[in-house]
Amino acid sequence: MSEVEGQREHTASLAHRVPDLAALELLLAVARLGSLGAAAREVGITQPAASSRIRSMERQLGVALVDRSPRGSRLTDAGALVTDWARRVVEAAAAFDAGARALRDRRDSRLRVAASMTIAEYLLPGWLLALHAARPDTAVSLLAGNSAKVAELLLSGEADLGFVEGLSVPTGLDSVVIAHDRLIVVTAPGHPWARRRRPLGAEELAATPLILRERGSGTRQVLDAALGGLARPLIELSSTTAVKASAVSGAGPSVLSELAVGEELSMRRLVSIPVEDVSLRRDLRAVWPKGHRPTGPARELLSLTRG
């Protein structure tokens, strides 16, 4: 057997030949307290369980570690030596634990969220308020953009959790559906469509220049797929708020999330136009890099979206 193979075999069997941390901590307690019963109480187990753990460790190492007598428990010479080694192992484990805890604290100190416009403007504020109540020390940053931009931020490591509105999950990401949404056709009250007696047909909608979001937005992706193509946009804008303001001004018809136009519809600044023969429902999704399930504050925010 080569030296490299021997080292590999030695490393592979180490876990079976070295006592676990619980056994080493018990041995250190026996050394410090001079009593197996007192050591058992300190580590939170019964005395029979402590005796069994010491015997198991002695069998594993092949040496006697503790002499037991009515006057108490005393380490053997081998036990004293093993205790010195055990102390170093436990101290190293404590340093390992402190380092891991520091990594978790650093992770939990911030959360970078990327979201497409509708979710960023109309859903995330409530979720982030609830997260702040649960984690007041976590600093949250929100980057808003279209669905393509959200995927780019996640895949480049610039965001921890994303939310998108498109038809499909961007390549390289895993997802879960968190809500459903419906797109509706809206116009200002003075537009001719506001006086229609019959629903708008899908073909007419597809042939009409509309005020639209830019390419890459989830809203435009869903609308384009549902209608099988769109006319050249009347105006192309980069935010839901800008599209809505243009529609309110009477610039032309648009298609927006019902989440975005509730107030405008109730105040009659916009009118909803019924459409037949086409479904404009869509899924809203949380997304993250494939194989990296959200942890810490990202996992907690994800749970709040589904509560």
C-alpha atoms as a PDB file:
ATOM      1  CA  MET A   1       0.000   0.000   0.000  1.00  0.00           C
ATOM      2  CA  SER A   2       1.376   3.456  -0.927  1.00  0.00           C
ATOM      3  CA  GLU A   3       1.864   6.215   1.645  1.00  0.00           C
ATOM      4  CA  VAL A   4      -0.994   8.242   0.098  1.00  0.00           C
ATOM      5  CA  GLU A   5      -3.354   5.245   0.261  1.00  0.00           C
ATOM      6  CA  GLY A   6      -2.352   4.649   3.871  1.00  0.00           C
ATOM      7  CA  GLN A   7      -3.113   8.255   4.786  1.00  0.00           C
ATOM      8  CA  ARG A   8      -6.475   8.015   3.040  1.00  0.00           C
ATOM      9  CA  GLU A   9      -7.390   4.872   4.970  1.00  0.00           C
ATOM     10  CA  HIS A  10      -6.180   6.458   8.234  1.00  0.00           C
ATOM     11  CA  THR A  11      -8.336   9.561   7.675  1.00  0.00           C
ATOM     12  CA  ALA A  12     -11.401   7.575   6.627  1.00  0.00           C
ATOM     13  CA  SER A  13     -11.388   5.519   9.826  1.00  0.00           C
ATOM     14  CA  LEU A  14     -10.616   8.402  12.216  1.00  0.00           C
ATOM     15  CA  ALA A  15     -14.257   9.004  13.129  1.00  0.00           C
ATOM     16  CA  HIS A  16     -14.546   5.373  14.283  1.00  0.00           C
ATOM     17  CA  ARG A  17     -11.377   5.470  16.380  1.00  0.00           C
ATOM     18  CA  VAL A  18     -11.730   8.850  18.136  1.00  0.00           C
ATOM     19  CA  PRO A  19     -14.355   9.425  20.875  1.00  0.00           C
ATOM     20  CA  ASP A  20     -17.052  11.989  20.146  1.00  0.00           C
ATOM     21  CA  LEU A  21     -17.212  15.413  21.799  1.00  0.00           C
ATOM     22  CA  ALA A  22     -19.853  14.378  24.328  1.00  0.00           C
ATOM     23  CA  ALA A  23     -17.583  11.615  25.660  1.00  0.00           C
ATOM     24  CA  LEU A  24     -14.568  13.929  25.798  1.00  0.00           C
ATOM     25  CA  GLU A  25     -16.530  16.607  27.656  1.00  0.00           C
ATOM     26  CA  LEU A  26     -17.646  13.995  30.196  1.00  0.00           C
ATOM     27  CA  LEU A  27     -14.041  12.875  30.732  1.00  0.00           C
ATOM     28  CA  LEU A  28     -12.967  16.486  31.316  1.00  0.00           C
ATOM     29  CA  ALA A  29     -15.764  16.894  33.869  1.00  0.00           C
ATOM     30  CA  VAL A  30     -14.650  13.733  35.719  1.00  0.00           C
ATOM     31  CA  ALA A  31     -11.073  15.061  35.836  1.00  0.00           C
ATOM     32  CA  ARG A  32     -12.213  18.421  37.161  1.00  0.00           C
ATOM     33  CA  LEU A  33     -14.799  17.228  39.697  1.00  0.00           C
ATOM     34  CA  GLY A  34     -13.283  13.900  40.814  1.00  0.00           C
ATOM     35  CA  SER A  35     -16.706  12.253  40.738  1.00  0.00           C
ATOM     36  CA  LEU A  36     -18.498  10.411  37.980  1.00  0.00           C
ATOM     37  CA  GLY A  37     -21.883  11.282  39.529  1.00  0.00           C
ATOM     38  CA  ALA A  38     -21.058  15.019  39.694  1.00  0.00           C
ATOM     39  CA  ALA A  39     -19.716  14.926  36.140  1.00  0.00           C
ATOM     40  CA  ALA A  40     -22.922  13.221  34.956  1.00  0.00           C
ATOM     41  CA  ARG A  41     -25.033  15.944  36.572  1.00  0.00           C
ATOM     42  CA  GLU A  42     -22.927  18.692  34.990  1.00  0.00           C
ATOM     43  CA  VAL A  43     -23.320  17.344  31.469  1.00  0.00           C
ATOM     44  CA  GLY A  44     -27.007  16.535  32.010  1.00  0.00           C
ATOM     45  CA  ILE A  45     -27.099  12.729  31.936  1.00  0.00           C
ATOM     46  CA  THR A  46     -27.703   9.994  34.496  1.00  0.00           C
ATOM     47  CA  GLN A  47     -24.836   8.315  36.346  1.00  0.00           C
ATOM     48  CA  PRO A  48     -25.492   4.924  34.674  1.00  0.00           C
ATOM     49  CA  ALA A  49     -25.377   6.646  31.294  1.00  0.00           C
ATOM     50  CA  ALA A  50     -22.112   8.354  32.254  1.00  0.00           C
ATOM     51  CA  SER A  51     -20.588   5.028  33.356  1.00  0.00           C
ATOM     52  CA  SER A  52     -21.657   3.448  30.074  1.00  0.00           C
ATOM     53  CA  ARG A  53     -20.158   6.320  28.087  1.00  0.00           C
ATOM     54  CA  ILE A  54     -16.802   6.034  29.909  1.00  0.00           C
ATOM     55  CA  ARG A  55     -16.700   2.240  29.395  1.00  0.00           C
ATOM     56  CA  SER A  56     -17.492   2.672  25.732  1.00  0.00           C
ATOM     57  CA  MET A  57     -14.684   5.213  25.388  1.00  0.00           C
ATOM     58  CA  GLU A  58     -12.262   2.847  27.153  1.00  0.00           C
ATOM     59  CA  ARG A  59     -13.190   0.026  24.753  1.00  0.00           C
ATOM     60  CA  GLN A  60     -12.803   2.350  21.790  1.00  0.00           C
ATOM     61  CA  LEU A  61      -9.323   3.518  22.858  1.00  0.00           C
ATOM     62  CA  GLY A  62      -8.214   0.188  24.305  1.00  0.00           C
ATOM     63  CA  VAL A  63      -7.003   1.644  27.628  1.00  0.00           C
ATOM     64  CA  ALA A  64      -8.483   2.202  31.099  1.00  0.00           C
ATOM     65  CA  LEU A  65      -9.233   5.866  31.758  1.00  0.00           C
ATOM     66  CA  VAL A  66     -10.939   6.025  35.177  1.00  0.00           C
ATOM     67  CA  ASP A  67     -10.441   4.152  38.436  1.00  0.00           C
ATOM     68  CA  ARG A  68     -13.753   3.994  40.306  1.00  0.00           C
ATOM     69  CA  SER A  69     -13.928   3.575  44.110  1.00  0.00           C
ATOM     70  CA  PRO A  70     -16.346   4.430  46.934  1.00  0.00           C
ATOM     71  CA  ARG A  71     -14.281   7.569  47.507  1.00  0.00           C
ATOM     72  CA  GLY A  72     -14.824   8.830  43.975  1.00  0.00           C
ATOM     73  CA  SER A  73     -13.378   8.550  40.481  1.00  0.00           C
ATOM     74  CA  ARG A  74      -9.688   9.076  39.677  1.00  0.00           C
ATOM     75  CA  LEU A  75      -8.008   9.238  36.310  1.00  0.00           C
ATOM     76  CA  THR A  76      -5.483   6.556  35.463  1.00  0.00           C
ATOM     77  CA  ASP A  77      -2.122   7.630  34.074  1.00  0.00           C
ATOM     78  CA  ALA A  78      -3.465   6.933  30.596  1.00  0.00           C
ATOM     79  CA  GLY A  79      -6.669   8.788  31.493  1.00  0.00           C
ATOM     80  CA  ALA A  80      -4.674  11.883  32.533  1.00  0.00           C
ATOM     81  CA  LEU A  81      -2.833  11.859  29.210  1.00  0.00           C
ATOM     82  CA  VAL A  82      -6.026  11.347  27.217  1.00  0.00           C
ATOM     83  CA  THR A  83      -7.644  14.184  29.197  1.00  0.00           C
ATOM     84  CA  ASP A  84      -4.897  16.574  28.070  1.00  0.00           C
ATOM     85  CA  TRP A  85      -5.531  15.605  24.467  1.00  0.00           C
ATOM     86  CA  ALA A  86      -9.286  15.820  24.985  1.00  0.00           C
ATOM     87  CA  ARG A  87      -8.949  19.374  26.310  1.00  0.00           C
ATOM     88  CA  ARG A  88      -7.248  20.474  23.097  1.00  0.00           C
ATOM     89  CA  VAL A  89      -9.906  18.783  20.965  1.00  0.00           C
ATOM     90  CA  VAL A  90     -12.764  20.411  22.921  1.00  0.00           C
ATOM     91  CA  GLU A  91     -11.056  23.819  22.757  1.00  0.00           C
ATOM     92  CA  ALA A  92     -10.649  23.410  18.993  1.00  0.00           C
ATOM     93  CA  ALA A  93     -14.320  22.410  18.715  1.00  0.00           C
ATOM     94  CA  ALA A  94     -15.310  25.504  20.715  1.00  0.00           C
ATOM     95  CA  ALA A  95     -13.289  27.685  18.338  1.00  0.00           C
ATOM     96  CA  PHE A  96     -14.930  25.924  15.382  1.00  0.00           C
ATOM     97  CA  ASP A  97     -18.374  26.594  16.891  1.00  0.00           C
ATOM     98  CA  ALA A  98     -17.549  30.253  17.533  1.00  0.00           C
ATOM     99  CA  GLY A  99     -16.389  30.661  13.939  1.00  0.00           C
ATOM    100  CA  ALA A 100     -19.523  29.023  12.553  1.00  0.00           C
ATOM    101  CA  ARG A 101     -21.670  31.222  14.797  1.00  0.00           C
ATOM    102  CA  ALA A 102     -19.840  34.311  13.518  1.00  0.00           C
ATOM    103  CA  LEU A 103     -20.543  33.233   9.941  1.00  0.00           C
ATOM    104  CA  ARG A 104     -24.247  32.820  10.757  1.00  0.00           C
ATOM    105  CA  ASP A 105     -24.342  36.200  12.483  1.00  0.00           C
ATOM    106  CA  ARG A 106     -22.753  37.840   9.455  1.00  0.00           C
ATOM    107  CA  ARG A 107     -25.234  36.115   7.154  1.00  0.00           C
ATOM    108  CA  ASP A 108     -28.154  37.126   9.367  1.00  0.00           C
ATOM    109  CA  SER A 109     -27.028  40.751   9.638  1.00  0.00           C
ATOM    110  CA  ARG A 110     -28.179  41.561   6.091  1.00  0.00           C
ATOM    111  CA  LEU A 111     -30.622  40.424   3.445  1.00  0.00           C
ATOM    112  CA  ARG A 112     -30.443  41.464  -0.204  1.00  0.00           C
ATOM    113  CA  VAL A 113     -33.763  41.087  -2.016  1.00  0.00           C
ATOM    114  CA  ALA A 114     -34.339  41.506  -5.757  1.00  0.00           C
ATOM    115  CA  ALA A 115     -37.910  41.757  -7.020  1.00  0.00           C
ATOM    116  CA  SER A 116     -39.774  42.557 -10.192  1.00  0.00           C
ATOM    117  CA  MET A 117     -41.702  45.801 -10.118  1.00  0.00           C
ATOM    118  CA  THR A 118     -45.223  44.752  -9.183  1.00  0.00           C
ATOM    119  CA  ILE A 119     -44.079  42.606  -6.274  1.00  0.00           C
ATOM    120  CA  ALA A 120     -41.542  45.225  -5.136  1.00  0.00           C
ATOM    121  CA  GLU A 121     -44.138  48.002  -5.087  1.00  0.00           C
ATOM    122  CA  TYR A 122     -47.295  46.275  -3.880  1.00  0.00           C
ATOM    123  CA  LEU A 123     -46.419  43.119  -1.911  1.00  0.00           C
ATOM    124  CA  LEU A 124     -42.890  43.326  -0.519  1.00  0.00           C
ATOM    125  CA  PRO A 125     -43.393  46.379   1.732  1.00  0.00           C
ATOM    126  CA  GLY A 126     -45.817  44.438   3.944  1.00  0.00           C
ATOM    127  CA  TRP A 127     -43.607  41.342   4.025  1.00  0.00           C
ATOM    128  CA  LEU A 128     -40.527  43.404   4.903  1.00  0.00           C
ATOM    129  CA  LEU A 129     -42.355  45.147   7.751  1.00  0.00           C
ATOM    130  CA  ALA A 130     -43.242  41.748   9.190  1.00  0.00           C
ATOM    131  CA  LEU A 131     -39.630  40.585   8.780  1.00  0.00           C
ATOM    132  CA  HIS A 132     -38.361  43.701  10.564  1.00  0.00           C
ATOM    133  CA  ALA A 133     -40.656  42.962  13.496  1.00  0.00           C
ATOM    134  CA  ALA A 134     -39.154  39.471  13.765  1.00  0.00           C
ATOM    135  CA  ARG A 135     -35.553  40.467  12.961  1.00  0.00           C
ATOM    136  CA  PRO A 136     -35.022  44.132  13.844  1.00  0.00           C
ATOM    137  CA  ASP A 137     -31.225  43.814  13.563  1.00  0.00           C
ATOM    138  CA  THR A 138     -31.245  42.532   9.980  1.00  0.00           C
ATOM    139  CA  ALA A 139     -30.493  45.239   7.413  1.00  0.00           C
ATOM    140  CA  VAL A 140     -32.563  44.696   4.271  1.00  0.00           C
ATOM    141  CA  SER A 141     -31.841  46.143   0.836  1.00  0.00           C
ATOM    142  CA  LEU A 142     -34.322  45.899  -2.036  1.00  0.00           C
ATOM    143  CA  LEU A 143     -33.312  46.014  -5.687  1.00  0.00           C
ATOM    144  CA  ALA A 144     -36.248  46.412  -8.083  1.00  0.00           C
ATOM    145  CA  GLY A 145     -36.083  45.520 -11.761  1.00  0.00           C
ATOM    146  CA  ASN A 146     -37.708  43.303 -14.344  1.00  0.00           C
ATOM    147  CA  SER A 147     -37.679  39.510 -14.057  1.00  0.00           C
ATOM    148  CA  ALA A 148     -34.576  39.174 -16.241  1.00  0.00           C
ATOM    149  CA  LYS A 149     -32.685  41.608 -13.993  1.00  0.00           C
ATOM    150  CA  VAL A 150     -33.749  39.689 -10.866  1.00  0.00           C
ATOM    151  CA  ALA A 151     -32.317  36.468 -12.314  1.00  0.00           C
ATOM    152  CA  GLU A 152     -29.071  38.264 -13.216  1.00  0.00           C
ATOM    153  CA  LEU A 153     -28.662  39.605  -9.657  1.00  0.00           C
ATOM    154  CA  LEU A 154     -29.252  36.204  -8.086  1.00  0.00           C
ATOM    155  CA  LEU A 155     -26.888  34.333 -10.398  1.00  0.00           C
ATOM    156  CA  SER A 156     -24.122  36.905  -9.883  1.00  0.00           C
ATOM    157  CA  GLY A 157     -24.406  36.628  -6.089  1.00  0.00           C
ATOM    158  CA  GLU A 158     -25.667  40.206  -5.682  1.00  0.00           C
ATOM    159  CA  ALA A 159     -28.991  39.125  -4.157  1.00  0.00           C
ATOM    160  CA  ASP A 160     -29.977  36.426  -1.658  1.00  0.00           C
ATOM    161  CA  LEU A 161     -33.646  35.978  -2.609  1.00  0.00           C
ATOM    162  CA  GLY A 162     -35.697  37.095  -5.595  1.00  0.00           C
ATOM    163  CA  PHE A 163     -39.313  37.470  -6.673  1.00  0.00           C
ATOM    164  CA  VAL A 164     -40.519  37.319 -10.287  1.00  0.00           C
ATOM    165  CA  GLU A 165     -43.769  37.494 -12.226  1.00  0.00           C
ATOM    166  CA  GLY A 166     -42.995  35.779 -15.518  1.00  0.00           C
ATOM    167  CA  LEU A 167     -44.337  32.632 -17.141  1.00  0.00           C
ATOM    168  CA  SER A 168     -41.344  30.432 -16.424  1.00  0.00           C
ATOM    169  CA  VAL A 169     -38.496  30.060 -13.957  1.00  0.00           C
ATOM    170  CA  PRO A 170     -35.291  31.679 -15.263  1.00  0.00           C
ATOM    171  CA  THR A 171     -32.478  29.244 -16.081  1.00  0.00           C
ATOM    172  CA  GLY A 172     -30.272  28.402 -13.118  1.00  0.00           C
ATOM    173  CA  LEU A 173     -32.877  29.162 -10.467  1.00  0.00           C
ATOM    174  CA  ASP A 174     -35.184  27.129  -8.246  1.00  0.00           C
ATOM    175  CA  SER A 175     -38.580  28.534  -7.289  1.00  0.00           C
ATOM    176  CA  VAL A 176     -41.809  28.220  -5.392  1.00  0.00           C
ATOM    177  CA  VAL A 177     -45.170  29.829  -6.196  1.00  0.00           C
ATOM    178  CA  ILE A 178     -46.084  32.289  -3.437  1.00  0.00           C
ATOM    179  CA  ALA A 179     -49.192  33.984  -4.870  1.00  0.00           C
ATOM    180  CA  HIS A 180     -51.340  34.426  -7.957  1.00  0.00           C
ATOM    181  CA  ASP A 181     -52.111  37.590  -9.892  1.00  0.00           C
ATOM    182  CA  ARG A 182     -54.319  38.717 -12.754  1.00  0.00           C
ATOM    183  CA  LEU A 183     -53.528  41.226 -15.457  1.00  0.00           C
ATOM    184  CA  ILE A 184     -56.342  43.556 -16.494  1.00  0.00           C
ATOM    185  CA  VAL A 185     -56.814  45.941 -19.398  1.00  0.00           C
ATOM    186  CA  VAL A 186     -57.278  49.533 -18.207  1.00  0.00           C
ATOM    187  CA  THR A 187     -57.933  52.881 -19.826  1.00  0.00           C
ATOM    188  CA  ALA A 188     -58.765  56.390 -18.708  1.00  0.00           C
ATOM    189  CA  PRO A 189     -62.559  56.957 -18.445  1.00  0.00           C
ATOM    190  CA  GLY A 190     -62.552  59.105 -21.621  1.00  0.00           C
ATOM    191  CA  HIS A 191     -61.118  56.359 -23.846  1.00  0.00           C
ATOM    192  CA  PRO A 192     -63.560  54.811 -26.400  1.00  0.00           C
ATOM    193  CA  TRP A 193     -63.059  51.353 -24.869  1.00  0.00           C
ATOM    194  CA  ALA A 194     -64.559  52.632 -21.595  1.00  0.00           C
ATOM    195  CA  ARG A 195     -67.921  52.950 -23.395  1.00  0.00           C
ATOM    196  CA  ARG A 196     -67.903  49.495 -24.947  1.00  0.00           C
ATOM    197  CA  ARG A 197     -70.926  47.296 -24.303  1.00  0.00           C
ATOM    198  CA  ARG A 198     -69.208  44.051 -25.255  1.00  0.00           C
ATOM    199  CA  PRO A 199     -65.939  42.544 -23.988  1.00  0.00           C
ATOM    200  CA  LEU A 200     -62.804  43.275 -25.907  1.00  0.00           C
ATOM    201  CA  GLY A 201     -61.621  40.444 -28.131  1.00  0.00           C
ATOM    202  CA  ALA A 202     -58.166  38.975 -27.797  1.00  0.00           C
ATOM    203  CA  GLU A 203     -57.351  39.690 -31.455  1.00  0.00           C
ATOM    204  CA  GLU A 204     -58.275  43.359 -31.135  1.00  0.00           C
ATOM    205  CA  LEU A 205     -56.221  43.677 -27.963  1.00  0.00           C
ATOM    206  CA  ALA A 206     -53.217  42.069 -29.642  1.00  0.00           C
ATOM    207  CA  ALA A 207     -53.491  44.414 -32.622  1.00  0.00           C
ATOM    208  CA  THR A 208     -53.770  47.594 -30.540  1.00  0.00           C
ATOM    209  CA  PRO A 209     -50.675  49.640 -29.631  1.00  0.00           C
ATOM    210  CA  LEU A 210     -50.518  49.638 -25.822  1.00  0.00           C
ATOM    211  CA  ILE A 211     -48.577  51.399 -23.108  1.00  0.00           C
ATOM    212  CA  LEU A 212     -46.269  48.580 -22.032  1.00  0.00           C
ATOM    213  CA  ARG A 213     -43.376  47.686 -19.772  1.00  0.00           C
ATOM    214  CA  GLU A 214     -40.006  47.043 -21.376  1.00  0.00           C
ATOM    215  CA  ARG A 215     -38.943  43.686 -22.815  1.00  0.00           C
ATOM    216  CA  GLY A 216     -37.838  41.333 -20.041  1.00  0.00           C
ATOM    217  CA  SER A 217     -40.640  42.319 -17.681  1.00  0.00           C
ATOM    218  CA  GLY A 218     -42.866  39.533 -16.371  1.00  0.00           C
ATOM    219  CA  THR A 219     -46.034  41.475 -17.218  1.00  0.00           C
ATOM    220  CA  ARG A 220     -45.073  41.867 -20.863  1.00  0.00           C
ATOM    221  CA  GLN A 221     -43.903  38.259 -21.104  1.00  0.00           C
ATOM    222  CA  VAL A 222     -47.242  36.932 -19.822  1.00  0.00           C
ATOM    223  CA  LEU A 223     -49.274  39.255 -22.064  1.00  0.00           C
ATOM    224  CA  ASP A 224     -47.238  38.427 -25.170  1.00  0.00           C
ATOM    225  CA  ALA A 225     -47.608  34.677 -24.568  1.00  0.00           C
ATOM    226  CA  ALA A 226     -51.343  34.897 -23.839  1.00  0.00           C
ATOM    227  CA  LEU A 227     -52.097  36.875 -27.015  1.00  0.00           C
ATOM    228  CA  GLY A 228     -49.600  35.144 -29.296  1.00  0.00           C
ATOM    229  CA  GLY A 229     -47.829  38.410 -30.052  1.00  0.00           C
ATOM    230  CA  LEU A 230     -48.286  42.141 -29.553  1.00  0.00           C
ATOM    231  CA  ALA A 231     -48.500  45.225 -31.731  1.00  0.00           C
ATOM    232  CA  ARG A 232     -45.655  47.703 -31.571  1.00  0.00           C
ATOM    233  CA  PRO A 233     -45.984  49.500 -28.203  1.00  0.00           C
ATOM    234  CA  LEU A 234     -47.588  52.909 -28.089  1.00  0.00           C
ATOM    235  CA  ILE A 235     -45.152  53.790 -25.290  1.00  0.00           C
ATOM    236  CA  GLU A 236     -42.568  51.552 -23.610  1.00  0.00           C
ATOM    237  CA  LEU A 237     -41.728  52.363 -19.981  1.00  0.00           C
ATOM    238  CA  SER A 238     -39.499  50.813 -17.327  1.00  0.00           C
ATOM    239  CA  SER A 239     -41.787  50.858 -14.281  1.00  0.00           C
ATOM    240  CA  THR A 240     -45.328  49.921 -13.351  1.00  0.00           C
ATOM    241  CA  THR A 241     -45.877  53.359 -11.804  1.00  0.00           C
ATOM    242  CA  ALA A 242     -44.895  55.103 -15.047  1.00  0.00           C
ATOM    243  CA  VAL A 243     -47.170  52.866 -17.130  1.00  0.00           C
ATOM    244  CA  LYS A 244     -50.061  53.500 -14.761  1.00  0.00           C
ATOM    245  CA  ALA A 245     -49.523  57.284 -14.775  1.00  0.00           C
ATOM    246  CA  SER A 246     -49.517  57.320 -18.576  1.00  0.00           C
ATOM    247  CA  ALA A 247     -52.767  55.374 -18.701  1.00  0.00           C
ATOM    248  CA  VAL A 248     -54.400  57.705 -16.151  1.00  0.00           C
ATOM    249  CA  SER A 249     -53.333  60.709 -18.243  1.00  0.00           C
ATOM    250  CA  GLY A 250     -55.284  59.314 -21.208  1.00  0.00           C
ATOM    251  CA  ALA A 251     -52.243  58.480 -23.327  1.00  0.00           C
ATOM    252  CA  GLY A 252     -53.729  55.107 -24.219  1.00  0.00           C
ATOM    253  CA  PRO A 253     -54.786  51.674 -22.953  1.00  0.00           C
ATOM    254  CA  SER A 254     -52.506  49.463 -20.919  1.00  0.00           C
ATOM    255  CA  VAL A 255     -52.411  46.056 -19.231  1.00  0.00           C
ATOM    256  CA  LEU A 256     -51.424  46.055 -15.563  1.00  0.00           C
ATOM    257  CA  SER A 257     -51.574  43.853 -12.499  1.00  0.00           C
ATOM    258  CA  GLU A 258     -54.813  44.219 -10.569  1.00  0.00           C
ATOM    259  CA  LEU A 259     -52.581  44.669  -7.515  1.00  0.00           C
ATOM    260  CA  ALA A 260     -51.316  47.923  -9.017  1.00  0.00           C
ATOM    261  CA  VAL A 261     -54.576  49.617  -9.993  1.00  0.00           C
ATOM    262  CA  GLY A 262     -56.993  49.006  -7.113  1.00  0.00           C
ATOM    263  CA  GLU A 263     -56.999  52.625  -5.935  1.00  0.00           C
ATOM    264  CA  GLU A 264     -57.231  54.052  -9.457  1.00  0.00           C
ATOM    265  CA  LEU A 265     -60.212  51.815 -10.272  1.00  0.00           C
ATOM    266  CA  SER A 266     -62.041  52.704  -7.054  1.00  0.00           C
ATOM    267  CA  MET A 267     -61.444  56.440  -7.684  1.00  0.00           C
ATOM    268  CA  ARG A 268     -62.537  56.067 -11.342  1.00  0.00           C
ATOM    269  CA  ARG A 269     -59.219  57.394 -12.605  1.00  0.00           C
ATOM    270  CA  LEU A 270     -58.991  54.154 -14.586  1.00  0.00           C
ATOM    271  CA  VAL A 271     -61.616  51.803 -15.990  1.00  0.00           C
ATOM    272  CA  SER A 272     -61.234  48.029 -16.274  1.00  0.00           C
ATOM    273  CA  ILE A 273     -62.061  46.679 -19.745  1.00  0.00           C
ATOM    274  CA  PRO A 274     -63.386  43.088 -19.882  1.00  0.00           C
ATOM    275  CA  VAL A 275     -61.559  40.787 -22.306  1.00  0.00           C
ATOM    276  CA  GLU A 276     -62.898  37.499 -23.655  1.00  0.00           C
ATOM    277  CA  ASP A 277     -61.206  34.349 -24.901  1.00  0.00           C
ATOM    278  CA  VAL A 278     -57.905  34.902 -23.122  1.00  0.00           C
ATOM    279  CA  SER A 279     -56.576  34.146 -19.650  1.00  0.00           C
ATOM    280  CA  LEU A 280     -54.300  36.760 -18.101  1.00  0.00           C
ATOM    281  CA  ARG A 281     -53.655  35.007 -14.796  1.00  0.00           C
ATOM    282  CA  ARG A 282     -50.058  34.442 -13.683  1.00  0.00           C
ATOM    283  CA  ASP A 283     -48.044  32.946 -10.863  1.00  0.00           C
ATOM    284  CA  LEU A 284     -45.839  35.054  -8.615  1.00  0.00           C
ATOM    285  CA  ARG A 285     -42.709  33.177  -7.578  1.00  0.00           C
ATOM    286  CA  ALA A 286     -39.882  33.374  -5.096  1.00  0.00           C
ATOM    287  CA  VAL A 287     -36.604  32.349  -6.738  1.00  0.00           C
ATOM    288  CA  TRP A 288     -33.059  31.534  -5.630  1.00  0.00           C
ATOM    289  CA  PRO A 289     -29.936  29.969  -7.185  1.00  0.00           C
ATOM    290  CA  LYS A 290     -30.465  26.294  -8.019  1.00  0.00           C
ATOM    291  CA  GLY A 291     -29.420  23.960  -5.226  1.00  0.00           C
ATOM    292  CA  HIS A 292     -29.072  26.731  -2.613  1.00  0.00           C
ATOM    293  CA  ARG A 293     -32.266  26.719  -0.555  1.00  0.00           C
ATOM    294  CA  PRO A 294     -32.758  30.023   1.348  1.00  0.00           C
ATOM    295  CA  THR A 295     -31.402  30.124   4.894  1.00  0.00           C
ATOM    296  CA  GLY A 296     -31.519  32.596   7.781  1.00  0.00           C
ATOM    297  CA  PRO A 297     -33.469  35.812   7.097  1.00  0.00           C
ATOM    298  CA  ALA A 298     -34.087  34.802   3.462  1.00  0.00           C
ATOM    299  CA  ARG A 299     -35.840  31.639   4.630  1.00  0.00           C
ATOM    300  CA  GLU A 300     -37.866  33.640   7.153  1.00  0.00           C
ATOM    301  CA  LEU A 301     -38.948  36.156   4.506  1.00  0.00           C
ATOM    302  CA  LEU A 302     -39.959  33.282   2.235  1.00  0.00           C
ATOM    303  CA  SER A 303     -42.130  31.824   5.005  1.00  0.00           C
ATOM    304  CA  LEU A 304     -43.808  35.232   5.526  1.00  0.00           C
ATOM    305  CA  THR A 305     -44.814  35.399   1.852  1.00  0.00           C
ATOM    306  CA  ARG A 306     -46.718  32.144   2.225  1.00  0.00           C
ATOM    307  CA  GLY A 307     -48.315  32.848   5.610  1.00  0.00           C
END
